């Protein structure tokens, strides 16, 4: 989620302005300066021959910029839920040692310290850790919060065990960026036997939508671009899920639970799975895409708390309130087929989800679906890559 800024080009105030250098400039002096410049040794590492960064390095670099943290902090559904979980359940945090995995600006650590935690260890691998240290000091929590810069897998905690692990690890489609495995690593290494992981439950859901207009704009567009066939790009475009908000009026079928994960008990391998689904049409319509979203829950609170990234009452280009929207939005997987479906008819299939083998922070999705209705029949396998 980094922003690639274009190179800045400085233009003269008047492009037609004549060169105002004196006509009798000392050419010999200029040539001498050019020769000295030519003989100056090149600055080392100005243009590295190769890039030694791994995908993980790029991942952490993306979280060094304040913009992505601004987006997450302004996600009121996300941030207020964590705040409420902590402030309304102080009995869970009082005098406890807490580990904040992927602390970012340190906002969750600050919540925990303010709720009475004995000490909070905030691990952040990106350069935002430096800002988090300053934020902690500025707000007077230096004695309660220790910010540790580095990868969880390489950090040595000053304590042997912690009572609570808190993290906002969820990515698009729940599993994109694969931070869940880092939380599980921390859990297995440092969490007390009776300790808590917050949140402790996460569920992934699937539904189907009508989306002719947007599919035409994003996918079918490549069929004819100013009169030229660019459909080779269409094949790539349809393989990349679209992260966007979806209007509830587009929903054609029921929602199907694909997978529920218990973060306190699961193993890293449980994040790879194949789940069957059956989507039943609630009206006559056309289906252009399947949509995935997720819920997270904090079941150990005094009162069950959580939030959903499900489809709410907002449009892509609408002035309607978007108070329930989250920065995760929904994940749209466009189908190669347009399914003409009648009320009560069903689409059946399965979805296979796994980390990409070359870059485990990316997600590979295999979708198998079949439909045999009154208006059309189709059976297909499609592959998607979240990257």
Protein backbone atom coordinates (compact mmCIF):
# COMPACT_ATOMS: atom_id res chain seq x y z
CA UNK A 1 0.00 0.00 0.00
CA UNK A 2 2.81 2.32 -0.78
CA UNK A 3 2.48 5.36 -3.01
CA UNK A 4 4.92 5.66 -5.87
CA UNK A 5 5.48 9.36 -6.35
CA UNK A 6 6.28 10.49 -9.89
CA UNK A 7 9.59 12.22 -10.52
CA UNK A 8 9.32 15.95 -10.10
CA UNK A 9 10.29 17.96 -13.18
CA UNK A 10 11.18 21.59 -12.82
CA UNK A 11 10.13 23.74 -15.75
CA UNK A 12 11.52 27.22 -16.42
CA UNK A 13 9.20 30.12 -15.72
CA UNK A 14 9.28 31.02 -19.41
CA UNK A 15 10.03 28.20 -21.80
CA UNK A 16 10.69 30.63 -24.63
CA UNK A 17 13.21 32.68 -22.67
CA UNK A 18 16.57 33.09 -24.39
CA UNK A 19 19.72 31.84 -22.68
CA UNK A 20 20.94 34.82 -20.69
CA UNK A 21 24.54 33.60 -20.29
CA UNK A 22 27.12 36.19 -21.38
CA UNK A 23 28.15 35.74 -24.96
CA UNK A 24 31.84 35.97 -24.01
CA UNK A 25 31.77 33.23 -21.31
CA UNK A 26 35.12 31.63 -20.65
CA UNK A 27 34.82 28.44 -22.68
CA UNK A 28 38.15 27.11 -21.41
CA UNK A 29 36.97 27.36 -17.79
CA UNK A 30 33.75 25.54 -18.64
CA UNK A 31 35.61 22.75 -20.44
CA UNK A 32 38.02 22.42 -17.51
CA UNK A 33 35.10 22.03 -15.10
CA UNK A 34 33.56 19.38 -17.34
CA UNK A 35 36.82 17.41 -17.43
CA UNK A 36 37.10 17.52 -13.62
CA UNK A 37 33.53 16.28 -13.31
CA UNK A 38 34.20 13.46 -15.75
CA UNK A 39 37.25 12.36 -13.74
CA UNK A 40 35.41 12.41 -10.40
CA UNK A 41 34.85 8.84 -9.09
CA UNK A 42 31.18 7.83 -9.10
CA UNK A 43 29.29 7.91 -5.82
CA UNK A 44 29.06 4.36 -4.55
CA UNK A 45 25.62 2.76 -4.29
CA UNK A 46 23.94 5.61 -6.16
CA UNK A 47 22.62 3.11 -8.69
CA UNK A 48 22.84 -0.38 -7.17
CA UNK A 49 23.40 -3.16 -9.65
CA UNK A 50 20.85 -5.42 -8.02
CA UNK A 51 18.04 -5.31 -5.51
CA UNK A 52 18.71 -7.50 -2.51
CA UNK A 53 15.38 -6.76 -0.87
CA UNK A 54 13.00 -9.61 -0.22
CA UNK A 55 9.22 -9.43 -0.47
CA UNK A 56 9.18 -9.08 3.31
CA UNK A 57 11.43 -6.02 3.07
CA UNK A 58 9.03 -4.33 0.66
CA UNK A 59 6.13 -5.27 2.94
CA UNK A 60 7.72 -3.63 5.97
CA UNK A 61 8.86 -0.62 3.93
CA UNK A 62 5.25 0.03 2.93
CA UNK A 63 4.36 0.46 6.60
CA UNK A 64 7.08 3.06 7.14
CA UNK A 65 4.97 5.81 5.56
CA UNK A 66 2.48 7.60 7.79
CA UNK A 67 -0.25 7.52 5.14
CA UNK A 68 -1.17 3.87 5.62
CA UNK A 69 -1.33 4.39 9.40
CA UNK A 70 -3.52 7.43 8.93
CA UNK A 71 -5.96 5.33 6.91
CA UNK A 72 -6.09 2.64 9.58
CA UNK A 73 -6.42 5.06 12.49
CA UNK A 74 -9.27 6.87 10.72
CA UNK A 75 -11.05 3.54 10.23
CA UNK A 76 -13.42 4.15 13.12
CA UNK A 77 -14.98 0.67 13.01
CA UNK A 78 -11.57 -0.90 13.39
CA UNK A 79 -9.95 1.44 15.91
CA UNK A 80 -12.97 2.10 18.12
CA UNK A 81 -13.67 -1.62 18.40
CA UNK A 82 -10.16 -2.24 19.75
CA UNK A 83 -10.49 0.76 22.05
CA UNK A 84 -13.83 -0.48 23.40
CA UNK A 85 -12.52 -4.01 23.87
CA UNK A 86 -9.66 -2.67 25.99
CA UNK A 87 -11.38 0.13 27.92
CA UNK A 88 -14.57 -1.83 28.61
CA UNK A 89 -12.66 -4.91 29.78
CA UNK A 90 -9.98 -3.40 31.98
CA UNK A 91 -10.20 -6.44 34.24
CA UNK A 92 -8.49 -8.42 31.46
CA UNK A 93 -5.58 -5.98 31.19
CA UNK A 94 -4.98 -4.73 34.74
CA UNK A 95 -1.46 -5.68 35.91
CA UNK A 96 -0.95 -7.90 32.86
CA UNK A 97 2.05 -8.07 30.53
CA UNK A 98 0.90 -7.42 26.97
CA UNK A 99 2.60 -8.02 23.62
CA UNK A 100 1.46 -5.84 20.71
CA UNK A 101 2.40 -7.56 17.44
CA UNK A 102 2.81 -5.18 14.51
CA UNK A 103 2.31 -2.12 16.69
CA UNK A 104 2.51 0.56 14.00
CA UNK A 105 2.04 3.94 15.68
CA UNK A 106 1.53 2.18 19.01
CA UNK A 107 -2.15 3.03 19.34
CA UNK A 108 -3.14 -0.38 20.75
CA UNK A 109 -0.23 -0.29 23.18
CA UNK A 110 -1.36 3.12 24.39
CA UNK A 111 -4.90 1.81 24.90
CA UNK A 112 -3.56 -1.15 26.92
CA UNK A 113 -1.26 0.98 29.06
CA UNK A 114 -4.07 3.41 29.80
CA UNK A 115 -6.29 0.47 30.79
CA UNK A 116 -3.81 -0.55 33.50
CA UNK A 117 -1.48 -3.06 31.86
CA UNK A 118 1.64 -3.75 33.92
CA UNK A 119 3.83 -3.38 30.85
CA UNK A 120 3.35 -3.46 27.07
CA UNK A 121 5.97 -4.64 24.60
CA UNK A 122 5.25 -3.19 21.18
CA UNK A 123 7.02 -4.87 18.28
CA UNK A 124 7.17 -3.01 14.98
CA UNK A 125 9.54 -3.86 12.14
CA UNK A 126 9.09 -0.79 9.94
CA UNK A 127 10.67 2.60 10.51
CA UNK A 128 7.37 3.64 12.10
CA UNK A 129 8.83 2.10 15.26
CA UNK A 130 10.94 5.24 15.66
CA UNK A 131 7.80 7.37 15.54
CA UNK A 132 6.04 5.02 17.95
CA UNK A 133 8.84 5.51 20.50
CA UNK A 134 8.46 9.25 20.24
CA UNK A 135 4.66 9.01 20.51
CA UNK A 136 4.98 6.88 23.64
CA UNK A 137 7.39 9.40 25.21
CA UNK A 138 5.27 12.40 24.21
CA UNK A 139 2.21 10.89 25.89
CA UNK A 140 4.03 9.99 29.09
CA UNK A 141 3.97 6.18 28.81
CA UNK A 142 7.70 5.45 28.58
CA UNK A 143 7.61 3.54 31.86
CA UNK A 144 4.71 1.36 30.70
CA UNK A 145 5.49 0.73 27.03
CA UNK A 146 8.68 -0.57 25.44
CA UNK A 147 8.86 -0.28 21.65
CA UNK A 148 11.04 -2.94 20.03
CA UNK A 149 12.11 -2.44 16.43
CA UNK A 150 12.55 -5.63 14.43
CA UNK A 151 10.86 -8.76 13.15
CA UNK A 152 8.92 -10.79 15.67
CA UNK A 153 10.82 -13.89 14.62
CA UNK A 154 14.15 -12.19 15.42
CA UNK A 155 13.29 -10.19 18.56
CA UNK A 156 14.42 -11.15 22.07
CA UNK A 157 11.77 -10.07 24.54
CA UNK A 158 12.96 -8.83 27.93
CA UNK A 159 10.46 -11.25 29.51
CA UNK A 160 9.99 -14.99 29.10
CA UNK A 161 6.20 -14.93 28.86
CA UNK A 162 3.31 -12.53 28.33
CA UNK A 163 -0.31 -12.65 29.47
CA UNK A 164 -1.97 -11.14 26.39
CA UNK A 165 -1.11 -10.87 22.72
CA UNK A 166 -3.02 -8.17 20.87
CA UNK A 167 -2.66 -7.49 17.17
CA UNK A 168 -4.48 -6.01 14.22
CA UNK A 169 -3.15 -8.59 11.77
CA UNK A 170 -6.00 -8.83 9.28
CA UNK A 171 -5.34 -8.01 5.63
CA UNK A 172 -7.58 -7.69 2.60
CA UNK A 173 -9.51 -10.94 2.11
CA UNK A 174 -8.56 -11.53 5.76
CA UNK A 175 -5.34 -13.37 4.88
CA UNK A 176 -3.52 -11.05 2.49
CA UNK A 177 -0.05 -10.10 3.85
CA UNK A 178 0.06 -13.30 5.93
CA UNK A 179 0.65 -11.51 9.23
CA UNK A 180 -1.44 -14.16 10.97
CA UNK A 181 1.50 -16.58 10.99
CA UNK A 182 3.58 -13.97 12.83
CA UNK A 183 0.91 -13.76 15.54
CA UNK A 184 0.86 -17.55 15.82
CA UNK A 185 4.65 -17.60 16.12
CA UNK A 186 4.48 -15.07 18.96
CA UNK A 187 1.69 -17.04 20.61
CA UNK A 188 3.63 -20.30 20.58
CA UNK A 189 6.84 -18.65 21.83
CA UNK A 190 5.71 -16.20 24.48
CA UNK A 191 2.08 -16.61 25.53
CA UNK A 192 1.32 -18.09 28.94
CA UNK A 193 -0.73 -21.29 28.94
CA UNK A 194 -3.76 -19.41 30.21
CA UNK A 195 -3.03 -16.29 28.17
CA UNK A 196 -5.30 -14.48 25.72
CA UNK A 197 -5.00 -13.69 22.02
CA UNK A 198 -7.04 -10.69 20.91
CA UNK A 199 -8.95 -10.98 18.66
CA UNK A 200 -9.38 -14.74 18.96
CA UNK A 201 -11.86 -15.56 16.17
CA UNK A 202 -12.00 -14.67 12.48
CA UNK A 203 -14.47 -15.85 9.83
CA UNK A 204 -14.44 -15.54 6.04
CA UNK A 205 -17.68 -15.32 4.04
CA UNK A 206 -18.72 -15.45 0.38
CA UNK A 207 -21.68 -14.05 -1.55
CA UNK A 208 -22.55 -13.24 -5.19
CA UNK A 209 -23.39 -9.90 -6.79
CA UNK A 210 -24.65 -8.24 -9.94
CA UNK A 211 -21.94 -5.87 -11.15
CA UNK A 212 -22.31 -5.37 -14.91
CA UNK A 213 -21.35 -1.70 -15.01
CA UNK A 214 -18.16 -2.02 -13.00
CA UNK A 215 -17.12 -5.26 -14.69
CA UNK A 216 -17.44 -3.52 -18.05
CA UNK A 217 -15.30 -0.67 -16.77
CA UNK A 218 -12.58 -2.79 -15.15
CA UNK A 219 -12.51 -6.01 -17.20
CA UNK A 220 -14.34 -5.77 -20.51
CA UNK A 221 -12.65 -2.40 -21.15
CA UNK A 222 -9.59 -4.25 -22.44
CA UNK A 223 -11.49 -5.86 -25.33
CA UNK A 224 -11.34 -2.65 -27.34
CA UNK A 225 -9.13 0.25 -26.28
CA UNK A 226 -9.44 3.11 -28.77
CA UNK A 227 -10.17 0.49 -31.40
CA UNK A 228 -7.31 -1.86 -30.46
CA UNK A 229 -7.58 -5.37 -29.01
CA UNK A 230 -5.85 -5.48 -25.62
CA UNK A 231 -7.67 -8.54 -24.34
CA UNK A 232 -4.37 -10.11 -23.27
CA UNK A 233 -4.43 -7.65 -20.35
CA UNK A 234 -8.01 -8.63 -19.59
CA UNK A 235 -6.79 -12.13 -18.79
CA UNK A 236 -4.50 -10.67 -16.16
CA UNK A 237 -7.04 -8.16 -14.86
CA UNK A 238 -9.65 -10.79 -14.13
CA UNK A 239 -7.11 -12.81 -12.13
CA UNK A 240 -6.53 -9.95 -9.68
CA UNK A 241 -9.30 -9.57 -7.10
CA UNK A 242 -10.60 -6.04 -6.75
CA UNK A 243 -10.70 -4.47 -3.28
CA UNK A 244 -13.66 -2.14 -3.29
CA UNK A 245 -16.91 -1.27 -1.55
CA UNK A 246 -20.06 -3.00 -2.76
CA UNK A 247 -23.64 -1.75 -2.50
CA UNK A 248 -25.98 -4.06 -0.62
CA UNK A 249 -28.50 -3.72 -3.47
CA UNK A 250 -26.11 -5.65 -5.69
CA UNK A 251 -26.28 -8.78 -3.54
CA UNK A 252 -28.12 -11.57 -5.37
CA UNK A 253 -27.60 -14.59 -3.08
CA UNK A 254 -27.26 -15.58 0.54
CA UNK A 255 -23.87 -15.38 2.29
CA UNK A 256 -21.94 -18.58 2.88
CA UNK A 257 -19.47 -19.11 5.73
CA UNK A 258 -16.24 -20.45 4.24
CA UNK A 259 -13.91 -20.69 7.22
CA UNK A 260 -13.72 -19.82 10.90
CA UNK A 261 -10.32 -19.64 12.55
CA UNK A 262 -9.66 -19.85 16.28
CA UNK A 263 -6.48 -17.80 16.65
CA UNK A 264 -5.85 -19.18 20.14
CA UNK A 265 -5.69 -22.80 18.93
CA UNK A 266 -5.05 -22.95 15.18
CA UNK A 267 -1.76 -23.87 13.49
CA UNK A 268 -0.16 -21.91 10.63
CA UNK A 269 -1.26 -24.59 8.18
CA UNK A 270 -4.91 -23.95 9.00
CA UNK A 271 -4.75 -20.71 7.01
CA UNK A 272 -4.57 -22.87 3.86
CA UNK A 273 -7.88 -24.54 3.16
CA UNK A 274 -10.50 -25.69 0.69
CA UNK A 275 -14.09 -24.86 1.56
CA UNK A 276 -17.30 -25.81 -0.27
CA UNK A 277 -20.05 -23.26 -0.86
CA UNK A 278 -23.66 -23.15 -1.99
CA UNK A 279 -25.13 -19.79 -2.95
CA UNK A 280 -28.89 -19.55 -3.38
CA UNK A 281 -30.40 -16.75 -5.48
CA UNK A 282 -32.83 -14.50 -3.64
CA UNK A 283 -34.20 -12.94 -6.85
CA UNK A 284 -33.98 -13.18 -10.63
CA UNK A 285 -30.80 -11.42 -11.72
CA UNK A 286 -27.36 -11.72 -13.32
CA UNK A 287 -24.22 -12.65 -11.40
CA UNK A 288 -20.91 -11.13 -12.47
CA UNK A 289 -18.75 -11.69 -9.41
CA UNK A 290 -18.35 -13.35 -6.05
CA UNK A 291 -17.53 -11.19 -3.05
CA UNK A 292 -15.57 -12.16 0.07
CA UNK A 293 -15.58 -10.37 3.42
CA UNK A 294 -14.68 -11.24 7.00
CA UNK A 295 -15.70 -10.81 10.63
CA UNK A 296 -13.47 -10.77 13.70
CA UNK A 297 -14.56 -11.44 17.27
CA UNK A 298 -13.23 -10.91 20.79
CA UNK A 299 -14.99 -13.73 22.59
CA UNK A 300 -13.16 -13.42 25.94
CA UNK A 301 -14.64 -10.02 26.73
CA UNK A 302 -17.35 -9.53 29.32
CA UNK A 303 -19.70 -9.06 26.37
CA UNK A 304 -19.07 -10.54 22.92
CA UNK A 305 -17.49 -7.82 20.79
CA UNK A 306 -16.32 -7.65 17.19
CA UNK A 307 -16.83 -6.09 13.80
CA UNK A 308 -17.61 -7.07 10.24
CA UNK A 309 -16.22 -5.94 6.90
CA UNK A 310 -19.44 -7.12 5.30
CA UNK A 311 -21.44 -5.27 2.70
CA UNK A 312 -23.23 -2.29 4.18
CA UNK A 313 -25.43 0.49 2.89
CA UNK A 314 -23.04 2.47 0.76
CA UNK A 315 -22.27 2.89 -2.91
CA UNK A 316 -19.02 3.43 -4.78
CA UNK A 317 -20.19 6.85 -5.93
CA UNK A 318 -22.69 7.79 -3.28
CA UNK A 319 -23.11 10.59 -0.79
CA UNK A 320 -24.84 8.24 1.64
CA UNK A 321 -23.22 7.87 5.08
CA UNK A 322 -20.36 5.38 5.14
CA UNK A 323 -19.99 5.07 8.89
CA UNK A 324 -19.85 1.29 8.81
CA UNK A 325 -17.29 1.03 6.03
CA UNK A 326 -13.81 -0.22 6.87
CA UNK A 327 -10.51 0.25 5.09
CA UNK A 328 -10.60 -3.47 4.24
CA UNK A 329 -13.73 -2.90 2.11
CA UNK A 330 -14.68 -6.16 0.33
CA UNK A 331 -12.83 -8.41 -2.11
CA UNK A 332 -14.49 -8.82 -5.52
CA UNK A 333 -13.63 -11.83 -7.68
CA UNK A 334 -14.99 -11.37 -11.19
CA UNK A 335 -16.27 -14.42 -13.05
CA UNK A 336 -15.45 -15.13 -16.67
CA UNK A 337 -19.11 -16.02 -17.17
CA UNK A 338 -22.24 -13.96 -16.69
CA UNK A 339 -24.66 -16.22 -14.86
CA UNK A 340 -28.36 -15.68 -15.57
CA UNK A 341 -29.93 -16.93 -12.36
CA UNK A 342 -33.53 -17.28 -11.20
CA UNK A 343 -34.79 -17.03 -7.64
CA UNK A 344 -34.13 -20.25 -5.72
CA UNK A 345 -31.46 -21.56 -8.10
CA UNK A 346 -28.02 -22.36 -6.69
CA UNK A 347 -24.37 -21.95 -7.57
CA UNK A 348 -22.24 -24.66 -5.99
CA UNK A 349 -18.50 -24.93 -5.82
CA UNK A 350 -15.41 -24.68 -3.67
CA UNK A 351 -12.71 -22.15 -2.88
CA UNK A 352 -9.09 -23.08 -2.18
CA UNK A 353 -6.94 -20.51 -0.41
CA UNK A 354 -3.18 -20.70 0.19
CA UNK A 355 -0.16 -18.40 0.53
CA UNK A 356 1.78 -17.93 -2.69
CA UNK A 357 4.85 -20.20 -2.71
CA UNK A 358 7.26 -17.52 -3.94
CA UNK A 359 5.85 -14.68 -1.83
CA UNK A 360 3.94 -16.01 1.20
CA UNK A 361 2.44 -12.56 1.85
CA UNK A 362 0.45 -12.89 -1.38
CA UNK A 363 -2.60 -15.16 -1.58
CA UNK A 364 -3.48 -17.69 -4.29
CA UNK A 365 -7.17 -18.47 -4.74
CA UNK A 366 -8.67 -21.30 -6.77
CA UNK A 367 -12.40 -21.05 -7.47
CA UNK A 368 -14.44 -23.97 -8.81
CA UNK A 369 -18.09 -23.33 -9.54
CA UNK A 370 -20.95 -24.86 -11.48
CA UNK A 371 -24.48 -23.76 -12.23
CA UNK A 372 -27.34 -25.53 -13.99
CA UNK A 373 -30.34 -23.24 -14.25
CA UNK A 374 -33.33 -22.61 -16.46
CA UNK A 375 -31.63 -19.81 -18.39
CA UNK A 376 -28.02 -21.04 -18.58
CA UNK A 377 -25.52 -23.64 -17.42
CA UNK A 378 -21.82 -23.25 -16.65
CA UNK A 379 -18.96 -25.10 -15.02
CA UNK A 380 -15.57 -23.50 -14.63
CA UNK A 381 -12.32 -23.26 -12.65
CA UNK A 382 -10.70 -19.83 -12.17
CA UNK A 383 -7.48 -18.77 -10.49
CA UNK A 384 -6.83 -15.48 -8.70
CA UNK A 385 -3.77 -13.87 -7.14
CA UNK A 386 -3.91 -11.21 -4.45
CA UNK A 387 -0.69 -9.23 -4.58
